[in-house]
Amino acid sequence: PDEQLDLDDGRWEDIHVVTGALKLFLRELPEPLVPFSHFDKFIAAIKIQDLSLRGQCIRDLVLSLPPAHRDTMKVLFRHLCRVVEHKEENRMSVQSVAIVFGPTLLRPASEESNMAMHMVFQNQVVEHILNHYGYIFPD
């Protein structure tokens, strides 16, 4: 059934409820926003030392995503950029947002032993996309 959400309902006043719901939705997707097939490619790209080559590579990877993934990523990251713009009030810097969303948006198909190592790079990919949103998603 089409459930109508009343966002004026008091339940939604706590921003953590809304954020938690969004994170849970993204985490419960059968495949993450960055498809499993692209995980290793993004990790390899974020490790590129040459900054301009890294930027181009990540942009090309984002553009190579299936349209539904790319379009959702564009909308989500546009919103997350707005969240970061208010970091003085909400204490959500680029780094904070990356820590919260990195492991949710990009994850390997199987959780092997080097999970901690992956997490650093997952967060760096999200930071990069936030910091270079206008270049990756020119309007």
C-alpha atoms as a PDB file:
ATOM      1  CA  PRO A   1       0.000   0.000   0.000  1.00  0.00           C
ATOM      2  CA  ASP A   2       1.053   3.578  -0.629  1.00  0.00           C
ATOM      3  CA  GLU A   3       1.897   4.837   2.810  1.00  0.00           C
ATOM      4  CA  GLN A   4       1.635   8.596   3.229  1.00  0.00           C
ATOM      5  CA  LEU A   5       4.287   9.999   5.550  1.00  0.00           C
ATOM      6  CA  ASP A   6       3.362  12.996   7.625  1.00  0.00           C
ATOM      7  CA  LEU A   7       6.699  14.714   8.167  1.00  0.00           C
ATOM      8  CA  ASP A   8       4.996  17.155  10.556  1.00  0.00           C
ATOM      9  CA  ASP A   9       4.368  14.231  12.911  1.00  0.00           C
ATOM     10  CA  GLY A  10       6.422  14.696  16.103  1.00  0.00           C
ATOM     11  CA  ARG A  11       8.249  11.409  15.519  1.00  0.00           C
ATOM     12  CA  TRP A  12      10.304  13.046  12.773  1.00  0.00           C
ATOM     13  CA  GLU A  13      11.476  16.049  14.803  1.00  0.00           C
ATOM     14  CA  ASP A  14      14.605  14.239  15.972  1.00  0.00           C
ATOM     15  CA  ILE A  15      16.990  14.475  13.013  1.00  0.00           C
ATOM     16  CA  HIS A  16      18.724  11.291  14.201  1.00  0.00           C
ATOM     17  CA  VAL A  17      15.533   9.328  13.477  1.00  0.00           C
ATOM     18  CA  VAL A  18      15.477  10.587   9.876  1.00  0.00           C
ATOM     19  CA  THR A  19      19.230  10.067   9.404  1.00  0.00           C
ATOM     20  CA  GLY A  20      19.039   6.613  10.958  1.00  0.00           C
ATOM     21  CA  ALA A  21      16.168   5.681   8.628  1.00  0.00           C
ATOM     22  CA  LEU A  22      18.115   6.878   5.585  1.00  0.00           C
ATOM     23  CA  LYS A  23      21.249   4.976   6.614  1.00  0.00           C
ATOM     24  CA  LEU A  24      19.237   1.845   7.352  1.00  0.00           C
ATOM     25  CA  PHE A  25      17.490   2.078   3.971  1.00  0.00           C
ATOM     26  CA  LEU A  26      20.838   2.413   2.172  1.00  0.00           C
ATOM     27  CA  ARG A  27      22.452  -0.376   4.210  1.00  0.00           C
ATOM     28  CA  GLU A  28      19.525  -2.769   3.577  1.00  0.00           C
ATOM     29  CA  LEU A  29      19.662  -2.395  -0.212  1.00  0.00           C
ATOM     30  CA  PRO A  30      20.489  -5.767  -1.820  1.00  0.00           C
ATOM     31  CA  GLU A  31      23.422  -3.986  -3.484  1.00  0.00           C
ATOM     32  CA  PRO A  32      25.029  -0.792  -2.147  1.00  0.00           C
ATOM     33  CA  LEU A  33      24.732   2.531  -3.965  1.00  0.00           C
ATOM     34  CA  VAL A  34      28.221   1.839  -5.343  1.00  0.00           C
ATOM     35  CA  PRO A  35      27.653  -1.625  -6.851  1.00  0.00           C
ATOM     36  CA  PHE A  36      29.883  -4.476  -5.680  1.00  0.00           C
ATOM     37  CA  SER A  37      31.355  -4.606  -9.200  1.00  0.00           C
ATOM     38  CA  HIS A  38      32.709  -1.060  -8.744  1.00  0.00           C
ATOM     39  CA  PHE A  39      34.040  -1.355  -5.171  1.00  0.00           C
ATOM     40  CA  ASP A  40      37.617  -2.359  -6.052  1.00  0.00           C
ATOM     41  CA  LYS A  41      37.731   0.232  -8.851  1.00  0.00           C
ATOM     42  CA  PHE A  42      36.809   3.070  -6.447  1.00  0.00           C
ATOM     43  CA  ILE A  43      39.326   1.836  -3.852  1.00  0.00           C
ATOM     44  CA  ALA A  44      42.050   1.697  -6.529  1.00  0.00           C
ATOM     45  CA  ALA A  45      41.094   5.182  -7.758  1.00  0.00           C
ATOM     46  CA  ILE A  46      41.268   6.823  -4.320  1.00  0.00           C
ATOM     47  CA  LYS A  47      44.808   5.445  -3.911  1.00  0.00           C
ATOM     48  CA  ILE A  48      46.077   7.264  -7.050  1.00  0.00           C
ATOM     49  CA  GLN A  49      48.747   9.735  -5.937  1.00  0.00           C
ATOM     50  CA  ASP A  50      48.339  12.209  -8.827  1.00  0.00           C
ATOM     51  CA  LEU A  51      45.425  14.342  -7.596  1.00  0.00           C
ATOM     52  CA  SER A  52      44.154  15.419 -10.995  1.00  0.00           C
ATOM     53  CA  LEU A  53      44.291  11.839 -12.312  1.00  0.00           C
ATOM     54  CA  ARG A  54      42.524  10.640  -9.132  1.00  0.00           C
ATOM     55  CA  GLY A  55      39.780  13.224  -9.576  1.00  0.00           C
ATOM     56  CA  GLN A  56      39.245  12.342 -13.219  1.00  0.00           C
ATOM     57  CA  CYS A  57      39.231   8.619 -12.453  1.00  0.00           C
ATOM     58  CA  ILE A  58      36.635   8.946  -9.678  1.00  0.00           C
ATOM     59  CA  ARG A  59      34.450  11.168 -11.842  1.00  0.00           C
ATOM     60  CA  ASP A  60      34.638   8.641 -14.694  1.00  0.00           C
ATOM     61  CA  LEU A  61      33.745   5.826 -12.266  1.00  0.00           C
ATOM     62  CA  VAL A  62      30.719   7.734 -10.954  1.00  0.00           C
ATOM     63  CA  LEU A  63      29.614   8.456 -14.524  1.00  0.00           C
ATOM     64  CA  SER A  64      30.011   4.747 -15.378  1.00  0.00           C
ATOM     65  CA  LEU A  65      27.552   3.680 -12.665  1.00  0.00           C
ATOM     66  CA  PRO A  66      24.126   2.386 -13.725  1.00  0.00           C
ATOM     67  CA  PRO A  67      21.772   5.391 -14.169  1.00  0.00           C
ATOM     68  CA  ALA A  68      19.663   4.601 -11.065  1.00  0.00           C
ATOM     69  CA  HIS A  69      22.795   4.417  -8.882  1.00  0.00           C
ATOM     70  CA  ARG A  70      24.341   7.552 -10.401  1.00  0.00           C
ATOM     71  CA  ASP A  71      21.125   9.607 -10.173  1.00  0.00           C
ATOM     72  CA  THR A  72      20.503   8.535  -6.573  1.00  0.00           C
ATOM     73  CA  MET A  73      24.111   9.338  -5.712  1.00  0.00           C
ATOM     74  CA  LYS A  74      23.747  12.800  -7.261  1.00  0.00           C
ATOM     75  CA  VAL A  75      20.667  13.613  -5.171  1.00  0.00           C
ATOM     76  CA  LEU A  76      22.101  12.095  -1.975  1.00  0.00           C
ATOM     77  CA  PHE A  77      25.457  13.865  -2.280  1.00  0.00           C
ATOM     78  CA  ARG A  78      23.778  17.180  -3.165  1.00  0.00           C
ATOM     79  CA  HIS A  79      21.889  16.831   0.117  1.00  0.00           C
ATOM     80  CA  LEU A  80      25.008  15.783   2.056  1.00  0.00           C
ATOM     81  CA  CYS A  81      26.852  18.828   0.668  1.00  0.00           C
ATOM     82  CA  ARG A  82      24.049  20.992   2.103  1.00  0.00           C
ATOM     83  CA  VAL A  83      24.440  19.206   5.455  1.00  0.00           C
ATOM     84  CA  VAL A  84      28.183  20.004   5.410  1.00  0.00           C
ATOM     85  CA  GLU A  85      27.450  23.680   4.611  1.00  0.00           C
ATOM     86  CA  HIS A  86      25.830  23.864   8.081  1.00  0.00           C
ATOM     87  CA  LYS A  87      28.671  22.128   9.944  1.00  0.00           C
ATOM     88  CA  GLU A  88      28.940  24.978  12.455  1.00  0.00           C
ATOM     89  CA  GLU A  89      25.440  24.158  13.742  1.00  0.00           C
ATOM     90  CA  ASN A  90      25.256  20.390  13.118  1.00  0.00           C
ATOM     91  CA  ARG A  91      28.929  19.432  13.674  1.00  0.00           C
ATOM     92  CA  MET A  92      28.811  17.346  10.467  1.00  0.00           C
ATOM     93  CA  SER A  93      32.007  18.128   8.591  1.00  0.00           C
ATOM     94  CA  VAL A  94      32.980  16.392   5.353  1.00  0.00           C
ATOM     95  CA  GLN A  95      34.983  13.921   7.462  1.00  0.00           C
ATOM     96  CA  SER A  96      32.042  13.234   9.800  1.00  0.00           C
ATOM     97  CA  VAL A  97      29.636  12.639   6.927  1.00  0.00           C
ATOM     98  CA  ALA A  98      32.205  10.342   5.267  1.00  0.00           C
ATOM     99  CA  ILE A  99      32.612   8.298   8.461  1.00  0.00           C
ATOM    100  CA  VAL A 100      28.830   7.919   8.755  1.00  0.00           C
ATOM    101  CA  PHE A 101      28.118   7.113   5.094  1.00  0.00           C
ATOM    102  CA  GLY A 102      31.353   5.604   3.700  1.00  0.00           C
ATOM    103  CA  PRO A 103      30.810   2.010   4.848  1.00  0.00           C
ATOM    104  CA  THR A 104      27.103   2.204   3.935  1.00  0.00           C
ATOM    105  CA  LEU A 105      27.515   3.486   0.375  1.00  0.00           C
ATOM    106  CA  LEU A 106      30.563   1.419  -0.630  1.00  0.00           C
ATOM    107  CA  ARG A 107      31.174  -2.048   0.654  1.00  0.00           C
ATOM    108  CA  PRO A 108      32.851  -5.151  -0.703  1.00  0.00           C
ATOM    109  CA  ALA A 109      30.734  -8.150  -1.707  1.00  0.00           C
ATOM    110  CA  SER A 110      32.319 -10.160   1.120  1.00  0.00           C
ATOM    111  CA  GLU A 111      33.590  -8.751   4.403  1.00  0.00           C
ATOM    112  CA  GLU A 112      37.147 -10.059   4.513  1.00  0.00           C
ATOM    113  CA  SER A 113      39.796  -9.485   7.141  1.00  0.00           C
ATOM    114  CA  ASN A 114      41.005  -6.100   5.834  1.00  0.00           C
ATOM    115  CA  MET A 115      37.752  -4.357   6.759  1.00  0.00           C
ATOM    116  CA  ALA A 116      39.507  -1.651   8.809  1.00  0.00           C
ATOM    117  CA  MET A 117      41.810  -0.875   5.905  1.00  0.00           C
ATOM    118  CA  HIS A 118      38.844  -0.684   3.522  1.00  0.00           C
ATOM    119  CA  MET A 119      36.989   1.666   5.852  1.00  0.00           C
ATOM    120  CA  VAL A 120      39.714   4.311   5.545  1.00  0.00           C
ATOM    121  CA  PHE A 121      39.430   4.204   1.756  1.00  0.00           C
ATOM    122  CA  GLN A 122      35.616   3.987   1.761  1.00  0.00           C
ATOM    123  CA  ASN A 123      35.521   7.182   3.812  1.00  0.00           C
ATOM    124  CA  GLN A 124      38.086   8.863   1.544  1.00  0.00           C
ATOM    125  CA  VAL A 125      35.961   8.094  -1.527  1.00  0.00           C
ATOM    126  CA  VAL A 126      32.904   9.708   0.101  1.00  0.00           C
ATOM    127  CA  GLU A 127      35.022  12.708   1.196  1.00  0.00           C
ATOM    128  CA  HIS A 128      36.356  13.080  -2.331  1.00  0.00           C
ATOM    129  CA  ILE A 129      32.878  13.035  -3.888  1.00  0.00           C
ATOM    130  CA  LEU A 130      31.649  15.607  -1.342  1.00  0.00           C
ATOM    131  CA  ASN A 131      34.679  17.868  -1.878  1.00  0.00           C
ATOM    132  CA  HIS A 132      34.421  17.648  -5.677  1.00  0.00           C
ATOM    133  CA  TYR A 133      30.658  17.427  -6.120  1.00  0.00           C
ATOM    134  CA  GLY A 134      30.487  20.240  -8.715  1.00  0.00           C
ATOM    135  CA  TYR A 135      33.187  18.606 -10.866  1.00  0.00           C
ATOM    136  CA  ILE A 136      31.678  15.108 -10.645  1.00  0.00           C
ATOM    137  CA  PHE A 137      28.071  16.242 -11.159  1.00  0.00           C
ATOM    138  CA  PRO A 138      28.188  19.411 -13.270  1.00  0.00           C
ATOM    139  CA  ASP A 139      24.658  20.770 -13.684  1.00  0.00           C
END
